[in-house]
Amino acid sequence: MEPIIRVEHLCKTFNVKGTTVDAAKDISFAIEKGDIFGIIGLSGAGKSTLVRCLNLLEQPTSGTVTVDGKSLTELSEKELRLTRRDIGMIFQHFNLLMQKSVLENVCFPMKITGVKKSEARARAMELLETVGLAEKANAYPAQLSGGQKQRVAIARVLANNPKILLCDEATSALDPQTTKSILSLLKSINETYGITIVVITHEMSVVQQICRHVAVLDNGTLAETGTVQELFHSPKTEAARKLILTGAEQIQRMSGEQLVRITFSGQSSFEPVVANLVLKYKTPVNIMFADTKDINGSAEGEMILQLPEVRETAEQMIRDLREKRLGVEVLTHYVG
C-alpha cells in the first residue's frame, strides 16, 4: 500500500542575515495511512520546519513531498489549497478566534468552504460532543482552560474531515495530566475516524504514549526511524539515546564505571534479574536507575545497572543478560 505521506530527499535552506542555514538536510521517510507517527528532536533540530514543509506552508529548497499520491510541489495554487483541506493542523497556542464563541470557532472553517449555517452548527455540536465540550458551546476562549482550548482547536480542525492531522507541539503548553487527556483524545480520533496523525514534539513521553512509529531529527538531519518500541529498546544513534535515557546527565558523570542499560517487557519484567545475578556471581550489582513506561499501551521497563569492576565478571553478566533476551546496551566501558 502506498504511504499517505512520502518525503524524499527534502532540503530546506534559509538565508539569515547573509548566512545560509540548513534547517532540513536530505530527509526521507514515509508515513502509512492510519498511523500515529512521531517526529521528535531537541530544540533547533528542524521539527517545525519539517512539519511546515509537509503541507507546503514552507516551500522545500529541493526534494519532494507526496501526500495521498499528489506531489505537492507540482500542484497549482488552487490545487494546493484544495489538498490542504485534507491536512489539518493544531498548534501549541491553540490559535482560536478570541472574539467568537466556541461554537462559532468550530463553524468557522465550514463557513469558509460554503457549508450552510444550519449544517455547520449541527456538525460543530456533533464535534464538540466528540471532544467532550458540548456544554461550552456558547462560552468564549478566554473562559476556557488550556486543555479545553486545545479540545476546541481539535474539534475545529476536524470540521472539514481531514485525512491527516499535524500536531505541532500541541501539548507543550499543557500540564502533564491535561497532556495525557489530549493525547488519549487524539488516539481515540485516530481509531474512530482513521485519520493519520503526525505528532511533532521534543518530549519522548508524548511519543511513547501515543505514537507507533517515530523519526528522530538531529540538527536538521534524520538520525533514525523505526517503531517506538525499537527506539526504546535499542536506540542506534547518540541523538536517540539523549532522548531515550532519562538519567543521561547522571550517566555521563559516571564515566569509567561499568554501566549497562537493560530493557524488558511482558513476562521478562517478572523475573528477578538483578537478584539472580547477585546470587550466581556472589558480588553486588547496583541499580542506578529503574523505571517502567506505558509505550502505546504496552508496559516496557528499563534499568541502569552498575556491574562489578572485575572485567571478566561484568562481561559474563552481560552475556547472561543477553541470553535472557533482554535489551542490553553498554553505556560505559570498564577502565582498568
Protein backbone atom coordinates (compact mmCIF):
# COMPACT_ATOMS: atom_id res chain seq x y z
CA MET A 1 0.00 0.00 0.00
CA GLU A 2 1.32 3.45 -0.96
CA PRO A 3 2.12 5.60 2.12
CA ILE A 4 -0.20 8.57 2.66
CA ILE A 5 2.87 10.81 3.15
CA ARG A 6 6.21 10.29 1.43
CA VAL A 7 9.12 12.68 1.93
CA GLU A 8 12.12 12.19 -0.38
CA HIS A 9 15.47 13.96 -0.14
CA LEU A 10 13.86 17.04 1.36
CA CYS A 11 16.15 20.04 1.95
CA LYS A 12 15.20 23.45 3.29
CA THR A 13 17.71 26.31 3.38
CA PHE A 14 17.16 29.76 4.88
CA ASN A 15 19.25 32.86 4.31
CA VAL A 16 19.55 34.68 7.64
CA LYS A 17 21.45 37.99 7.52
CA GLY A 18 23.68 36.76 4.74
CA THR A 19 24.30 33.38 6.40
CA THR A 20 22.96 30.13 4.94
CA VAL A 21 21.15 27.94 7.47
CA ASP A 22 20.30 24.31 6.57
CA ALA A 23 17.11 23.63 8.55
CA ALA A 24 16.47 20.30 6.79
CA LYS A 25 19.15 18.24 5.10
CA ASP A 26 18.29 15.34 2.75
CA ILE A 27 15.39 13.95 4.80
CA SER A 28 13.48 10.92 3.54
CA PHE A 29 10.75 8.88 5.28
CA ALA A 30 7.23 7.56 4.73
CA ILE A 31 4.07 7.50 6.85
CA GLU A 32 1.45 4.79 6.39
CA LYS A 33 -2.26 5.64 6.23
CA GLY A 34 -3.88 5.48 9.69
CA ASP A 35 -0.58 5.61 11.57
CA ILE A 36 0.29 7.85 14.52
CA PHE A 37 3.79 9.00 13.60
CA GLY A 38 6.08 10.98 15.89
CA ILE A 39 8.74 13.45 14.78
CA ILE A 40 11.00 14.17 17.74
CA GLY A 41 14.14 16.16 18.37
CA LEU A 42 15.67 18.68 20.72
CA SER A 43 15.17 22.42 20.21
CA GLY A 44 16.69 23.52 16.89
CA ALA A 45 16.57 20.03 15.38
CA GLY A 46 14.36 21.21 12.48
CA LYS A 47 10.99 19.77 13.56
CA SER A 48 8.81 22.83 12.92
CA THR A 49 10.44 23.49 9.55
CA LEU A 50 9.83 19.89 8.51
CA VAL A 51 6.16 19.88 9.54
CA ARG A 52 5.54 23.15 7.64
CA CYS A 53 7.04 21.51 4.56
CA LEU A 54 4.53 18.64 4.87
CA ASN A 55 1.69 20.98 3.83
CA LEU A 56 3.92 23.38 1.89
CA LEU A 57 3.50 26.29 4.28
CA GLU A 58 7.26 26.25 3.71
CA GLN A 59 8.41 25.58 0.16
CA PRO A 60 11.23 22.99 0.20
CA THR A 61 14.50 24.15 -1.36
CA SER A 62 14.74 20.72 -3.01
CA GLY A 63 13.23 17.27 -2.70
CA THR A 64 9.60 16.16 -2.84
CA VAL A 65 6.61 15.84 -0.52
CA THR A 66 3.89 13.49 -1.77
CA VAL A 67 0.54 13.43 0.08
CA ASP A 68 -2.13 10.88 -0.84
CA GLY A 69 -0.44 10.30 -4.21
CA LYS A 70 -0.05 14.00 -5.10
CA SER A 71 3.34 15.69 -5.34
CA LEU A 72 2.63 18.98 -3.56
CA THR A 73 5.37 20.96 -5.30
CA GLU A 74 3.78 20.18 -8.70
CA LEU A 75 0.30 21.43 -7.78
CA SER A 76 -1.15 24.77 -8.86
CA GLU A 77 -2.13 27.26 -6.13
CA LYS A 78 -5.78 26.24 -6.48
CA GLU A 79 -4.97 22.51 -6.34
CA LEU A 80 -2.74 23.07 -3.30
CA ARG A 81 -5.50 24.94 -1.46
CA LEU A 82 -7.91 22.06 -2.11
CA THR A 83 -5.34 19.47 -0.99
CA ARG A 84 -4.63 21.41 2.21
CA ARG A 85 -8.25 20.83 3.25
CA ASP A 86 -7.22 17.21 3.77
CA ILE A 87 -4.36 18.27 6.07
CA GLY A 88 -5.50 19.73 9.39
CA MET A 89 -3.09 21.35 11.85
CA ILE A 90 -3.18 22.11 15.57
CA PHE A 91 -0.64 24.27 17.37
CA GLN A 92 0.91 24.83 20.78
CA HIS A 93 -1.02 28.08 21.39
CA PHE A 94 -4.41 26.93 20.01
CA ASN A 95 -4.91 29.89 17.56
CA LEU A 96 -8.59 30.33 18.43
CA LEU A 97 -10.61 33.41 17.43
CA MET A 98 -10.97 35.17 20.78
CA GLN A 99 -14.00 37.30 19.78
CA LYS A 100 -16.02 34.28 18.67
CA SER A 101 -17.76 31.67 20.81
CA VAL A 102 -16.63 28.06 20.96
CA LEU A 103 -19.42 27.07 18.55
CA GLU A 104 -18.51 29.88 16.14
CA ASN A 105 -14.84 28.84 16.24
CA VAL A 106 -15.74 25.30 15.18
CA CYS A 107 -18.14 26.60 12.50
CA PHE A 108 -15.53 28.97 11.04
CA PRO A 109 -13.70 26.58 8.64
CA MET A 110 -17.05 25.29 7.35
CA LYS A 111 -18.23 28.86 6.76
CA ILE A 112 -15.13 29.48 4.61
CA THR A 113 -15.86 26.42 2.46
CA GLY A 114 -19.52 27.40 1.95
CA VAL A 115 -21.31 24.93 4.22
CA LYS A 116 -24.86 26.08 5.10
CA LYS A 117 -25.11 27.73 8.52
CA SER A 118 -27.61 25.18 9.90
CA GLU A 119 -25.49 22.26 8.70
CA ALA A 120 -22.31 23.83 10.08
CA ARG A 121 -23.87 24.37 13.52
CA ALA A 122 -25.16 20.79 13.64
CA ARG A 123 -21.76 19.43 12.62
CA ALA A 124 -19.99 21.71 15.14
CA MET A 125 -22.19 20.50 18.01
CA GLU A 126 -21.50 16.91 16.99
CA LEU A 127 -17.74 17.58 17.08
CA LEU A 128 -17.94 19.40 20.43
CA GLU A 129 -19.70 16.30 21.76
CA THR A 130 -16.81 14.20 20.41
CA VAL A 131 -14.21 16.28 22.27
CA GLY A 132 -16.31 16.48 25.46
CA LEU A 133 -17.17 20.19 25.32
CA ALA A 134 -20.79 20.37 24.14
CA GLU A 135 -21.76 22.29 27.30
CA LYS A 136 -19.18 25.02 26.43
CA ALA A 137 -20.69 25.84 23.01
CA ASN A 138 -21.64 29.40 23.98
CA ALA A 139 -18.52 30.14 26.04
CA TYR A 140 -15.60 32.21 24.75
CA PRO A 141 -11.94 31.08 24.59
CA ALA A 142 -10.96 33.41 27.48
CA GLN A 143 -13.31 31.43 29.74
CA LEU A 144 -11.62 28.08 28.97
CA SER A 145 -8.63 26.25 30.42
CA GLY A 146 -5.66 25.40 28.20
CA GLY A 147 -6.85 21.83 27.77
CA GLN A 148 -10.35 22.97 26.83
CA LYS A 149 -8.94 25.43 24.27
CA GLN A 150 -6.96 22.61 22.65
CA ARG A 151 -10.09 20.45 22.52
CA VAL A 152 -11.91 23.27 20.70
CA ALA A 153 -8.95 23.55 18.29
CA ILE A 154 -9.17 19.79 17.64
CA ALA A 155 -12.95 20.00 17.02
CA ARG A 156 -12.39 22.92 14.64
CA VAL A 157 -9.73 21.08 12.63
CA LEU A 158 -12.00 18.03 12.30
CA ALA A 159 -14.80 20.14 10.83
CA ASN A 160 -13.60 19.70 7.22
CA ASN A 161 -12.98 15.94 7.59
CA PRO A 162 -9.18 15.92 7.12
CA LYS A 163 -7.31 12.75 6.20
CA ILE A 164 -4.18 13.93 8.04
CA LEU A 165 -3.74 15.83 11.30
CA LEU A 166 -0.42 17.60 12.00
CA CYS A 167 0.16 18.37 15.70
CA ASP A 168 2.99 20.87 16.17
CA GLU A 169 3.98 20.76 19.87
CA ALA A 170 0.23 20.59 20.57
CA THR A 171 0.65 19.66 24.26
CA SER A 172 3.75 21.71 25.15
CA ALA A 173 1.73 24.44 26.90
CA LEU A 174 -0.27 21.95 28.98
CA ASP A 175 0.34 20.29 32.35
CA PRO A 176 1.11 16.53 32.42
CA GLN A 177 -2.42 15.39 33.33
CA THR A 178 -4.04 17.55 30.65
CA THR A 179 -1.42 16.40 28.15
CA LYS A 180 -2.37 12.79 28.88
CA SER A 181 -6.08 13.50 28.30
CA ILE A 182 -5.41 15.34 25.00
CA LEU A 183 -3.21 12.50 23.73
CA SER A 184 -5.93 9.99 24.68
CA LEU A 185 -8.42 12.09 22.70
CA LEU A 186 -6.12 12.14 19.66
CA LYS A 187 -5.68 8.37 19.89
CA SER A 188 -9.46 7.92 20.05
CA ILE A 189 -9.90 10.18 16.99
CA ASN A 190 -7.30 8.12 15.11
CA GLU A 191 -9.13 4.89 15.93
CA THR A 192 -12.64 6.26 15.29
CA TYR A 193 -12.06 8.24 12.08
CA GLY A 194 -8.91 6.56 10.71
CA ILE A 195 -7.15 9.93 10.49
CA THR A 196 -3.37 9.74 10.09
CA ILE A 197 -1.76 11.77 12.87
CA VAL A 198 1.73 13.29 12.82
CA VAL A 199 2.96 14.42 16.24
CA ILE A 200 5.83 16.91 16.39
CA THR A 201 7.37 17.12 19.87
CA HIS A 202 10.55 17.38 21.92
CA GLU A 203 9.13 15.12 24.64
CA MET A 204 9.78 11.38 24.46
CA SER A 205 6.92 10.76 26.92
CA VAL A 206 4.46 12.13 24.32
CA VAL A 207 5.82 9.82 21.61
CA GLN A 208 5.77 6.82 23.95
CA GLN A 209 2.14 7.39 24.96
CA ILE A 210 0.57 7.78 21.53
CA CYS A 211 2.87 7.01 18.56
CA ARG A 212 3.51 3.73 16.73
CA HIS A 213 6.43 4.92 14.61
CA VAL A 214 8.92 7.71 15.15
CA ALA A 215 11.57 9.73 13.30
CA VAL A 216 14.40 11.31 15.30
CA LEU A 217 15.72 14.61 13.98
CA ASP A 218 19.13 15.97 14.91
CA ASN A 219 20.49 19.30 13.67
CA GLY A 220 18.36 19.22 10.52
CA THR A 221 19.13 15.60 9.62
CA LEU A 222 17.16 12.37 10.07
CA ALA A 223 19.08 10.41 12.73
CA GLU A 224 16.91 7.27 12.70
CA THR A 225 13.39 5.93 12.22
CA GLY A 226 11.53 2.87 13.48
CA THR A 227 8.81 1.74 15.83
CA VAL A 228 8.66 3.41 19.22
CA GLN A 229 9.44 0.05 20.86
CA GLU A 230 12.55 -0.38 18.69
CA LEU A 231 13.76 3.08 19.64
CA PHE A 232 13.15 2.42 23.35
CA HIS A 233 14.91 -0.94 23.40
CA SER A 234 17.85 -0.24 21.10
CA PRO A 235 18.49 3.37 20.05
CA LYS A 236 21.11 3.35 17.28
CA THR A 237 22.30 6.97 17.37
CA GLU A 238 23.55 9.38 20.01
CA ALA A 239 20.62 11.73 19.25
CA ALA A 240 18.13 8.96 20.05
CA ARG A 241 19.98 7.96 23.22
CA LYS A 242 19.82 11.52 24.55
CA LEU A 243 16.06 11.48 24.13
CA ILE A 244 15.57 7.96 25.50
CA LEU A 245 17.87 7.91 28.51
CA THR A 246 16.06 9.52 31.41
CA GLY A 247 19.19 9.67 33.54
CA ALA A 248 21.55 10.72 30.74
CA GLU A 249 23.19 13.59 32.64
CA GLN A 250 23.90 11.44 35.68
CA ILE A 251 25.25 8.65 33.45
CA GLN A 252 27.75 10.99 31.82
CA ARG A 253 29.12 11.88 35.25
CA MET A 254 29.69 8.18 35.99
CA SER A 255 32.12 7.60 33.11
CA GLY A 256 34.71 4.94 33.81
CA GLU A 257 32.28 2.70 35.66
CA GLN A 258 30.72 -0.40 34.08
CA LEU A 259 27.15 0.72 33.40
CA VAL A 260 24.61 -1.14 31.29
CA ARG A 261 21.02 -0.30 30.37
CA ILE A 262 18.67 -3.26 30.19
CA THR A 263 15.15 -3.08 28.77
CA PHE A 264 12.37 -5.61 29.16
CA SER A 265 8.68 -6.17 28.52
CA GLY A 266 5.96 -8.74 29.14
CA GLN A 267 6.84 -11.77 31.26
CA SER A 268 10.55 -10.83 31.45
CA SER A 269 9.56 -7.98 33.80
CA PHE A 270 8.55 -10.53 36.47
CA GLU A 271 11.93 -12.29 36.62
CA PRO A 272 14.25 -11.16 39.46
CA VAL A 273 17.10 -10.39 37.08
CA VAL A 274 19.35 -8.47 39.47
CA ALA A 275 18.82 -10.87 42.38
CA ASN A 276 19.72 -13.82 40.14
CA LEU A 277 22.98 -12.14 39.04
CA VAL A 278 23.95 -11.40 42.65
CA LEU A 279 23.21 -14.98 43.71
CA LYS A 280 25.08 -16.53 40.78
CA TYR A 281 28.24 -14.40 40.96
CA LYS A 282 28.16 -13.61 44.71
CA THR A 283 29.02 -9.97 44.09
CA PRO A 284 26.95 -6.75 44.32
CA VAL A 285 25.12 -5.22 41.35
CA ASN A 286 23.93 -1.65 41.91
CA ILE A 287 20.64 -0.41 40.47
CA MET A 288 21.42 3.18 39.46
CA PHE A 289 18.03 3.82 37.85
CA ALA A 290 14.80 1.92 37.21
CA ASP A 291 11.52 2.83 35.57
CA THR A 292 8.54 1.37 33.75
CA LYS A 293 6.71 3.12 30.92
CA ASP A 294 3.44 2.68 29.06
CA ILE A 295 4.52 2.69 25.41
CA ASN A 296 1.44 2.77 23.19
CA GLY A 297 -0.47 0.55 25.60
CA SER A 298 2.39 -1.88 26.31
CA ALA A 299 4.27 -2.00 29.63
CA GLU A 300 8.00 -1.55 28.99
CA GLY A 301 10.73 -1.33 31.63
CA GLU A 302 14.32 -0.20 31.88
CA MET A 303 17.14 -0.37 34.41
CA ILE A 304 20.61 1.09 34.51
CA LEU A 305 22.93 -1.23 36.41
CA GLN A 306 26.45 -0.73 37.69
CA LEU A 307 28.28 -4.04 37.28
CA PRO A 308 31.34 -5.24 39.22
CA GLU A 309 34.73 -3.69 38.47
CA VAL A 310 36.21 -7.08 37.57
CA ARG A 311 36.13 -7.12 33.78
CA GLU A 312 35.57 -10.86 33.33
CA THR A 313 32.66 -10.95 35.79
CA ALA A 314 30.98 -7.91 34.20
CA GLU A 315 31.33 -9.36 30.70
CA GLN A 316 29.88 -12.71 31.80
CA MET A 317 26.93 -10.90 33.42
CA ILE A 318 26.28 -9.06 30.15
CA ARG A 319 26.29 -12.37 28.28
CA ASP A 320 23.82 -13.82 30.80
CA LEU A 321 21.50 -10.83 30.40
CA ARG A 322 21.56 -11.13 26.60
CA GLU A 323 20.81 -14.87 26.79
CA LYS A 324 17.59 -13.95 28.62
CA ARG A 325 16.60 -11.93 25.53
CA LEU A 326 16.67 -8.65 27.38
CA GLY A 327 17.71 -5.49 25.58
CA VAL A 328 21.27 -4.78 26.76
CA GLU A 329 23.30 -1.68 25.93
CA VAL A 330 26.71 -0.99 27.45
CA LEU A 331 26.74 2.71 28.38
CA THR A 332 30.28 2.99 29.73
CA HIS A 333 33.10 0.51 29.44
CA TYR A 334 35.43 -0.88 32.06
CA VAL A 335 38.54 1.24 32.50
CA GLY A 336 41.38 -0.57 34.23
